[in-house]
Full PDB file with SEQRES, HELIX, SHEET, SSBOND, CRYST1, ORIGX, SCALE, CONECT and MASTER records, all heavy atoms in Angstrom:
SEQRES   1 A   32  TRP ALA ALA SER GLU ALA ASP GLU LYS VAL ALA ARG LEU          
SEQRES   2 A   32  LEU ARG ILE SER GLY THR GLU GLU SER ALA HIS ALA ASP          
SEQRES   3 A   32  ARG VAL ALA ARG ALA ILE                                      
HELIX    1 AA1 ALA A    2  SER A    4  5                                   3    
HELIX    2 AA2 GLU A    8  ALA A   31  1                                  24    
CRYST1    1.000    1.000    1.000  90.00  90.00  90.00 P 1           1          
ORIGX1      1.000000  0.000000  0.000000        0.00000                         
ORIGX2      0.000000  1.000000  0.000000        0.00000                         
ORIGX3      0.000000  0.000000  1.000000        0.00000                         
SCALE1      1.000000  0.000000  0.000000        0.00000                         
SCALE2      0.000000  1.000000  0.000000        0.00000                         
SCALE3      0.000000  0.000000  1.000000        0.00000                         
ATOM      1  N   TRP A   1     117.218   4.047 128.082  1.00  0.00           N  
ATOM      2  CA  TRP A   1     117.563   3.166 129.199  1.00  0.00           C  
ATOM      3  C   TRP A   1     116.639   1.953 129.190  1.00  0.00           C  
ATOM      4  O   TRP A   1     117.075   0.817 129.331  1.00  0.00           O  
ATOM      5  CB  TRP A   1     117.438   3.952 130.489  1.00  0.00           C  
ATOM      6  CG  TRP A   1     117.941   3.287 131.740  1.00  0.00           C  
ATOM      7  CD1 TRP A   1     118.610   2.102 131.837  1.00  0.00           C  
ATOM      8  CD2 TRP A   1     117.808   3.778 133.066  1.00  0.00           C  
ATOM      9  NE1 TRP A   1     118.899   1.829 133.156  1.00  0.00           N  
ATOM     10  CE2 TRP A   1     118.411   2.844 133.933  1.00  0.00           C  
ATOM     11  CE3 TRP A   1     117.228   4.918 133.607  1.00  0.00           C  
ATOM     12  CZ2 TRP A   1     118.453   3.015 135.310  1.00  0.00           C  
ATOM     13  CZ3 TRP A   1     117.287   5.090 134.984  1.00  0.00           C  
ATOM     14  CH2 TRP A   1     117.890   4.156 135.814  1.00  0.00           C  
ATOM     15  N   ALA A   2     115.343   2.189 128.987  1.00  0.00           N  
ATOM     16  CA  ALA A   2     114.375   1.089 128.955  1.00  0.00           C  
ATOM     17  C   ALA A   2     114.677   0.133 127.807  1.00  0.00           C  
ATOM     18  O   ALA A   2     114.545  -1.086 127.965  1.00  0.00           O  
ATOM     19  CB  ALA A   2     112.957   1.649 128.821  1.00  0.00           C  
ATOM     20  N   ALA A   3     115.066   0.676 126.676  1.00  0.00           N  
ATOM     21  CA  ALA A   3     115.337  -0.160 125.505  1.00  0.00           C  
ATOM     22  C   ALA A   3     116.508  -1.117 125.750  1.00  0.00           C  
ATOM     23  O   ALA A   3     116.564  -2.200 125.152  1.00  0.00           O  
ATOM     24  CB  ALA A   3     115.622   0.713 124.291  1.00  0.00           C  
ATOM     25  N   SER A   4     117.414  -0.738 126.640  1.00  0.00           N  
ATOM     26  CA  SER A   4     118.575  -1.600 126.888  1.00  0.00           C  
ATOM     27  C   SER A   4     118.426  -2.426 128.171  1.00  0.00           C  
ATOM     28  O   SER A   4     119.341  -3.166 128.530  1.00  0.00           O  
ATOM     29  CB  SER A   4     119.850  -0.756 126.965  1.00  0.00           C  
ATOM     30  OG  SER A   4     119.803   0.113 128.074  1.00  0.00           O  
ATOM     31  N   GLU A   5     117.278  -2.325 128.818  1.00  0.00           N  
ATOM     32  CA  GLU A   5     117.046  -3.055 130.073  1.00  0.00           C  
ATOM     33  C   GLU A   5     116.499  -4.451 129.784  1.00  0.00           C  
ATOM     34  O   GLU A   5     115.509  -4.595 129.076  1.00  0.00           O  
ATOM     35  CB  GLU A   5     116.067  -2.268 130.952  1.00  0.00           C  
ATOM     36  CG  GLU A   5     115.686  -2.938 132.230  1.00  0.00           C  
ATOM     37  CD  GLU A   5     116.874  -3.314 133.090  1.00  0.00           C  
ATOM     38  OE1 GLU A   5     117.696  -2.419 133.397  1.00  0.00           O  
ATOM     39  OE2 GLU A   5     116.979  -4.504 133.449  1.00  0.00           O  
ATOM     40  N   ALA A   6     117.155  -5.451 130.330  1.00  0.00           N  
ATOM     41  CA  ALA A   6     116.740  -6.838 130.096  1.00  0.00           C  
ATOM     42  C   ALA A   6     115.466  -7.210 130.853  1.00  0.00           C  
ATOM     43  O   ALA A   6     114.649  -7.985 130.365  1.00  0.00           O  
ATOM     44  CB  ALA A   6     117.868  -7.790 130.498  1.00  0.00           C  
ATOM     45  N   ASP A   7     115.287  -6.646 132.023  1.00  0.00           N  
ATOM     46  CA  ASP A   7     114.121  -6.960 132.854  1.00  0.00           C  
ATOM     47  C   ASP A   7     112.929  -6.132 132.357  1.00  0.00           C  
ATOM     48  O   ASP A   7     112.925  -4.909 132.473  1.00  0.00           O  
ATOM     49  CB  ASP A   7     114.432  -6.638 134.311  1.00  0.00           C  
ATOM     50  CG  ASP A   7     113.315  -7.042 135.270  1.00  0.00           C  
ATOM     51  OD1 ASP A   7     112.122  -6.896 134.914  1.00  0.00           O  
ATOM     52  OD2 ASP A   7     113.653  -7.488 136.382  1.00  0.00           O  
ATOM     53  N   GLU A   8     111.925  -6.796 131.800  1.00  0.00           N  
ATOM     54  CA  GLU A   8     110.786  -6.093 131.201  1.00  0.00           C  
ATOM     55  C   GLU A   8     110.006  -5.273 132.225  1.00  0.00           C  
ATOM     56  O   GLU A   8     109.481  -4.209 131.898  1.00  0.00           O  
ATOM     57  CB  GLU A   8     109.861  -7.071 130.486  1.00  0.00           C  
ATOM     58  CG  GLU A   8     108.724  -6.413 129.738  1.00  0.00           C  
ATOM     59  CD  GLU A   8     109.148  -5.296 128.789  1.00  0.00           C  
ATOM     60  OE1 GLU A   8     110.191  -5.423 128.112  1.00  0.00           O  
ATOM     61  OE2 GLU A   8     108.445  -4.266 128.727  1.00  0.00           O  
ATOM     62  N   LYS A   9     109.948  -5.736 133.468  1.00  0.00           N  
ATOM     63  CA  LYS A   9     109.241  -4.961 134.498  1.00  0.00           C  
ATOM     64  C   LYS A   9     109.960  -3.642 134.771  1.00  0.00           C  
ATOM     65  O   LYS A   9     109.329  -2.597 134.916  1.00  0.00           O  
ATOM     66  CB  LYS A   9     109.114  -5.773 135.784  1.00  0.00           C  
ATOM     67  CG  LYS A   9     108.144  -6.926 135.673  1.00  0.00           C  
ATOM     68  CD  LYS A   9     108.082  -7.705 136.972  1.00  0.00           C  
ATOM     69  CE  LYS A   9     107.170  -8.917 136.814  1.00  0.00           C  
ATOM     70  NZ  LYS A   9     107.133  -9.726 138.041  1.00  0.00           N  
ATOM     71  N   VAL A  10     111.272  -3.697 134.821  1.00  0.00           N  
ATOM     72  CA  VAL A  10     112.064  -2.485 135.028  1.00  0.00           C  
ATOM     73  C   VAL A  10     111.935  -1.580 133.805  1.00  0.00           C  
ATOM     74  O   VAL A  10     111.741  -0.361 133.934  1.00  0.00           O  
ATOM     75  CB  VAL A  10     113.544  -2.834 135.310  1.00  0.00           C  
ATOM     76  CG1 VAL A  10     114.404  -1.578 135.344  1.00  0.00           C  
ATOM     77  CG2 VAL A  10     113.670  -3.608 136.612  1.00  0.00           C  
ATOM     78  N   ALA A  11     112.023  -2.159 132.620  1.00  0.00           N  
ATOM     79  CA  ALA A  11     111.902  -1.378 131.386  1.00  0.00           C  
ATOM     80  C   ALA A  11     110.557  -0.660 131.325  1.00  0.00           C  
ATOM     81  O   ALA A  11     110.479   0.511 130.934  1.00  0.00           O  
ATOM     82  CB  ALA A  11     112.082  -2.277 130.167  1.00  0.00           C  
ATOM     83  N   ARG A  12     109.497  -1.345 131.731  1.00  0.00           N  
ATOM     84  CA  ARG A  12     108.162  -0.728 131.717  1.00  0.00           C  
ATOM     85  C   ARG A  12     108.123   0.477 132.651  1.00  0.00           C  
ATOM     86  O   ARG A  12     107.598   1.535 132.294  1.00  0.00           O  
ATOM     87  CB  ARG A  12     107.111  -1.760 132.147  1.00  0.00           C  
ATOM     88  CG  ARG A  12     105.702  -1.218 132.178  1.00  0.00           C  
ATOM     89  CD  ARG A  12     104.695  -2.312 132.586  1.00  0.00           C  
ATOM     90  NE  ARG A  12     103.379  -1.754 132.722  1.00  0.00           N  
ATOM     91  CZ  ARG A  12     102.918  -1.130 133.813  1.00  0.00           C  
ATOM     92  NH1 ARG A  12     103.688  -1.010 134.873  1.00  0.00           N  
ATOM     93  NH2 ARG A  12     101.698  -0.644 133.849  1.00  0.00           N  
ATOM     94  N   LEU A  13     108.689   0.336 133.842  1.00  0.00           N  
ATOM     95  CA  LEU A  13     108.712   1.458 134.788  1.00  0.00           C  
ATOM     96  C   LEU A  13     109.533   2.625 134.254  1.00  0.00           C  
ATOM     97  O   LEU A  13     109.166   3.793 134.433  1.00  0.00           O  
ATOM     98  CB  LEU A  13     109.254   0.995 136.138  1.00  0.00           C  
ATOM     99  CG  LEU A  13     108.359   0.034 136.908  1.00  0.00           C  
ATOM    100  CD1 LEU A  13     109.091  -0.478 138.148  1.00  0.00           C  
ATOM    101  CD2 LEU A  13     107.046   0.696 137.285  1.00  0.00           C  
ATOM    102  N   LEU A  14     110.624   2.317 133.579  1.00  0.00           N  
ATOM    103  CA  LEU A  14     111.444   3.380 132.991  1.00  0.00           C  
ATOM    104  C   LEU A  14     110.678   4.116 131.891  1.00  0.00           C  
ATOM    105  O   LEU A  14     110.729   5.347 131.808  1.00  0.00           O  
ATOM    106  CB  LEU A  14     112.747   2.799 132.434  1.00  0.00           C  
ATOM    107  CG  LEU A  14     113.724   2.274 133.484  1.00  0.00           C  
ATOM    108  CD1 LEU A  14     114.839   1.486 132.809  1.00  0.00           C  
ATOM    109  CD2 LEU A  14     114.281   3.409 134.316  1.00  0.00           C  
ATOM    110  N   ARG A  15     109.947   3.363 131.067  1.00  0.00           N  
ATOM    111  CA  ARG A  15     109.136   4.003 130.014  1.00  0.00           C  
ATOM    112  C   ARG A  15     108.058   4.894 130.621  1.00  0.00           C  
ATOM    113  O   ARG A  15     107.812   6.005 130.141  1.00  0.00           O  
ATOM    114  CB  ARG A  15     108.529   2.957 129.094  1.00  0.00           C  
ATOM    115  CG  ARG A  15     109.535   2.338 128.130  1.00  0.00           C  
ATOM    116  CD  ARG A  15     108.859   1.496 127.061  1.00  0.00           C  
ATOM    117  NE  ARG A  15     108.268   0.286 127.604  1.00  0.00           N  
ATOM    118  CZ  ARG A  15     108.906  -0.847 127.798  1.00  0.00           C  
ATOM    119  NH1 ARG A  15     110.179  -0.957 127.474  1.00  0.00           N  
ATOM    120  NH2 ARG A  15     108.287  -1.904 128.285  1.00  0.00           N  
ATOM    121  N   ILE A  16     107.433   4.428 131.682  1.00  0.00           N  
ATOM    122  CA  ILE A  16     106.420   5.235 132.362  1.00  0.00           C  
ATOM    123  C   ILE A  16     107.048   6.518 132.917  1.00  0.00           C  
ATOM    124  O   ILE A  16     106.486   7.611 132.777  1.00  0.00           O  
ATOM    125  CB  ILE A  16     105.746   4.428 133.488  1.00  0.00           C  
ATOM    126  CG1 ILE A  16     104.868   3.332 132.892  1.00  0.00           C  
ATOM    127  CG2 ILE A  16     104.931   5.333 134.408  1.00  0.00           C  
ATOM    128  CD1 ILE A  16     104.378   2.311 133.908  1.00  0.00           C  
ATOM    129  N   SER A  17     108.201   6.389 133.528  1.00  0.00           N  
ATOM    130  CA  SER A  17     108.884   7.569 134.067  1.00  0.00           C  
ATOM    131  C   SER A  17     109.202   8.569 132.967  1.00  0.00           C  
ATOM    132  O   SER A  17     109.046   9.785 133.155  1.00  0.00           O  
ATOM    133  CB  SER A  17     110.169   7.161 134.791  1.00  0.00           C  
ATOM    134  OG  SER A  17     109.856   6.431 135.949  1.00  0.00           O  
ATOM    135  N   GLY A  18     109.635   8.074 131.822  1.00  0.00           N  
ATOM    136  CA  GLY A  18     109.913   8.964 130.697  1.00  0.00           C  
ATOM    137  C   GLY A  18     108.670   9.694 130.234  1.00  0.00           C  
ATOM    138  O   GLY A  18     108.696  10.907 129.988  1.00  0.00           O  
ATOM    139  N   THR A  19     107.573   8.976 130.141  1.00  0.00           N  
ATOM    140  CA  THR A  19     106.308   9.584 129.733  1.00  0.00           C  
ATOM    141  C   THR A  19     105.890  10.660 130.724  1.00  0.00           C  
ATOM    142  O   THR A  19     105.401  11.728 130.329  1.00  0.00           O  
ATOM    143  CB  THR A  19     105.222   8.504 129.609  1.00  0.00           C  
ATOM    144  OG1 THR A  19     105.653   7.547 128.637  1.00  0.00           O  
ATOM    145  CG2 THR A  19     103.891   9.081 129.188  1.00  0.00           C  
ATOM    146  N   GLU A  20     106.109  10.408 132.004  1.00  0.00           N  
ATOM    147  CA  GLU A  20     105.779  11.397 133.028  1.00  0.00           C  
ATOM    148  C   GLU A  20     106.631  12.654 132.877  1.00  0.00           C  
ATOM    149  O   GLU A  20     106.160  13.760 133.138  1.00  0.00           O  
ATOM    150  CB  GLU A  20     105.939  10.793 134.419  1.00  0.00           C  
ATOM    151  CG  GLU A  20     104.860   9.773 134.739  1.00  0.00           C  
ATOM    152  CD  GLU A  20     105.118   9.021 136.031  1.00  0.00           C  
ATOM    153  OE1 GLU A  20     106.176   9.211 136.663  1.00  0.00           O  
ATOM    154  OE2 GLU A  20     104.248   8.225 136.412  1.00  0.00           O  
ATOM    155  N   GLU A  21     107.882  12.502 132.460  1.00  0.00           N  
ATOM    156  CA  GLU A  21     108.732  13.669 132.218  1.00  0.00           C  
ATOM    157  C   GLU A  21     108.126  14.557 131.132  1.00  0.00           C  
ATOM    158  O   GLU A  21     108.058  15.781 131.286  1.00  0.00           O  
ATOM    159  CB  GLU A  21     110.142  13.230 131.799  1.00  0.00           C  
ATOM    160  CG  GLU A  21     110.939  12.564 132.880  1.00  0.00           C  
ATOM    161  CD  GLU A  21     111.463  13.525 133.926  1.00  0.00           C  
ATOM    162  OE1 GLU A  21     111.708  14.701 133.609  1.00  0.00           O  
ATOM    163  OE2 GLU A  21     111.638  13.083 135.070  1.00  0.00           O  
ATOM    164  N   SER A  22     107.681  13.943 130.046  1.00  0.00           N  
ATOM    165  CA  SER A  22     107.064  14.723 128.970  1.00  0.00           C  
ATOM    166  C   SER A  22     105.756  15.363 129.415  1.00  0.00           C  
ATOM    167  O   SER A  22     105.465  16.510 129.058  1.00  0.00           O  
ATOM    168  CB  SER A  22     106.820  13.850 127.734  1.00  0.00           C  
ATOM    169  OG  SER A  22     108.043  13.605 127.082  1.00  0.00           O  
ATOM    170  N   ALA A  23     104.972  14.639 130.195  1.00  0.00           N  
ATOM    171  CA  ALA A  23     103.716  15.199 130.701  1.00  0.00           C  
ATOM    172  C   ALA A  23     103.992  16.406 131.590  1.00  0.00           C  
ATOM    173  O   ALA A  23     103.271  17.407 131.540  1.00  0.00           O  
ATOM    174  CB  ALA A  23     102.927  14.133 131.466  1.00  0.00           C  
ATOM    175  N   HIS A  24     105.044  16.335 132.378  1.00  0.00           N  
ATOM    176  CA  HIS A  24     105.422  17.473 133.214  1.00  0.00           C  
ATOM    177  C   HIS A  24     105.781  18.669 132.339  1.00  0.00           C  
ATOM    178  O   HIS A  24     105.368  19.798 132.618  1.00  0.00           O  
ATOM    179  CB  HIS A  24     106.587  17.098 134.130  1.00  0.00           C  
ATOM    180  CG  HIS A  24     107.040  18.215 134.994  1.00  0.00           C  
ATOM    181  ND1 HIS A  24     108.257  18.805 134.858  1.00  0.00           N  
ATOM    182  CD2 HIS A  24     106.406  18.877 135.994  1.00  0.00           C  
ATOM    183  CE1 HIS A  24     108.370  19.783 135.744  1.00  0.00           C  
ATOM    184  NE2 HIS A  24     107.266  19.844 136.448  1.00  0.00           N  
ATOM    185  N   ALA A  25     106.537  18.442 131.285  1.00  0.00           N  
ATOM    186  CA  ALA A  25     106.894  19.529 130.370  1.00  0.00           C  
ATOM    187  C   ALA A  25     105.638  20.156 129.767  1.00  0.00           C  
ATOM    188  O   ALA A  25     105.548  21.384 129.649  1.00  0.00           O  
ATOM    189  CB  ALA A  25     107.814  19.011 129.265  1.00  0.00           C  
ATOM    190  N   ASP A  26     104.663  19.336 129.408  1.00  0.00           N  
ATOM    191  CA  ASP A  26     103.408  19.850 128.854  1.00  0.00           C  
ATOM    192  C   ASP A  26     102.671  20.713 129.877  1.00  0.00           C  
ATOM    193  O   ASP A  26     102.148  21.788 129.542  1.00  0.00           O  
ATOM    194  CB  ASP A  26     102.498  18.709 128.404  1.00  0.00           C  
ATOM    195  CG  ASP A  26     103.054  17.939 127.222  1.00  0.00           C  
ATOM    196  OD1 ASP A  26     103.947  18.466 126.516  1.00  0.00           O  
ATOM    197  OD2 ASP A  26     102.605  16.795 127.013  1.00  0.00           O  
ATOM    198  N   ARG A  27     102.628  20.265 131.126  1.00  0.00           N  
ATOM    199  CA  ARG A  27     101.940  21.041 132.162  1.00  0.00           C  
ATOM    200  C   ARG A  27     102.638  22.371 132.409  1.00  0.00           C  
ATOM    201  O   ARG A  27     101.985  23.405 132.564  1.00  0.00           O  
ATOM    202  CB  ARG A  27     101.843  20.239 133.463  1.00  0.00           C  
ATOM    203  CG  ARG A  27     100.856  19.084 133.393  1.00  0.00           C  
ATOM    204  CD  ARG A  27     100.619  18.432 134.746  1.00  0.00           C  
ATOM    205  NE  ARG A  27     101.829  17.914 135.371  1.00  0.00           N  
ATOM    206  CZ  ARG A  27     102.315  16.695 135.174  1.00  0.00           C  
ATOM    207  NH1 ARG A  27     101.714  15.849 134.351  1.00  0.00           N  
ATOM    208  NH2 ARG A  27     103.413  16.302 135.803  1.00  0.00           N  
ATOM    209  N   VAL A  28     103.940  22.369 132.433  1.00  0.00           N  
ATOM    210  CA  VAL A  28     104.692  23.606 132.629  1.00  0.00           C  
ATOM    211  C   VAL A  28     104.436  24.563 131.468  1.00  0.00           C  
ATOM    212  O   VAL A  28     104.217  25.757 131.675  1.00  0.00           O  
ATOM    213  CB  VAL A  28     106.202  23.324 132.800  1.00  0.00           C  
ATOM    214  CG1 VAL A  28     107.008  24.607 132.752  1.00  0.00           C  
ATOM    215  CG2 VAL A  28     106.460  22.586 134.099  1.00  0.00           C  
ATOM    216  N   ALA A  29     104.424  24.045 130.247  1.00  0.00           N  
ATOM    217  CA  ALA A  29     104.163  24.893 129.078  1.00  0.00           C  
ATOM    218  C   ALA A  29     102.773  25.521 129.170  1.00  0.00           C  
ATOM    219  O   ALA A  29     102.603  26.711 128.870  1.00  0.00           O  
ATOM    220  CB  ALA A  29     104.302  24.080 127.791  1.00  0.00           C  
ATOM    221  N   ARG A  30     101.789  24.741 129.591  1.00  0.00           N  
ATOM    222  CA  ARG A  30     100.424  25.286 129.737  1.00  0.00           C  
ATOM    223  C   ARG A  30     100.387  26.357 130.826  1.00  0.00           C  
ATOM    224  O   ARG A  30      99.733  27.387 130.670  1.00  0.00           O  
ATOM    225  CB  ARG A  30      99.421  24.164 130.033  1.00  0.00           C  
ATOM    226  CG  ARG A  30      99.117  23.319 128.815  1.00  0.00           C  
ATOM    227  CD  ARG A  30      97.891  22.430 129.001  1.00  0.00           C  
ATOM    228  NE  ARG A  30      97.926  21.553 130.146  1.00  0.00           N  
ATOM    229  CZ  ARG A  30      98.457  20.321 130.160  1.00  0.00           C  
ATOM    230  NH1 ARG A  30      98.990  19.819 129.064  1.00  0.00           N  
ATOM    231  NH2 ARG A  30      98.426  19.587 131.260  1.00  0.00           N  
ATOM    232  N   ALA A  31     101.084  26.128 131.921  1.00  0.00           N  
ATOM    233  CA  ALA A  31     101.118  27.111 133.001  1.00  0.00           C  
ATOM    234  C   ALA A  31     101.763  28.417 132.525  1.00  0.00           C  
ATOM    235  O   ALA A  31     101.271  29.504 132.828  1.00  0.00           O  
ATOM    236  CB  ALA A  31     101.875  26.546 134.212  1.00  0.00           C  
ATOM    237  N   ILE A  32     102.841  28.294 131.785  1.00  0.00           N  
ATOM    238  CA  ILE A  32     103.503  29.493 131.253  1.00  0.00           C  
ATOM    239  C   ILE A  32     102.571  30.260 130.326  1.00  0.00           C  
ATOM    240  O   ILE A  32     102.469  31.486 130.403  1.00  0.00           O  
ATOM    241  CB  ILE A  32     104.829  29.109 130.555  1.00  0.00           C  
ATOM    242  CG1 ILE A  32     105.848  28.668 131.590  1.00  0.00           C  
ATOM    243  CG2 ILE A  32     105.361  30.283 129.726  1.00  0.00           C  
ATOM    244  CD1 ILE A  32     107.095  28.028 131.011  1.00  0.00           C  
TER     245      ILE A  32                                                      
MASTER        0    0    0    2    0    0    0    6  244    1    0    3          
END                                                                             
């Protein structure tokens, strides 16, 4: 989604959100 977003500020926020999704997966894996 970020790669196709023309507004760089929006794209940056989307990339951050994606990174947070992966970080959440890492935390859940550690908890398990």
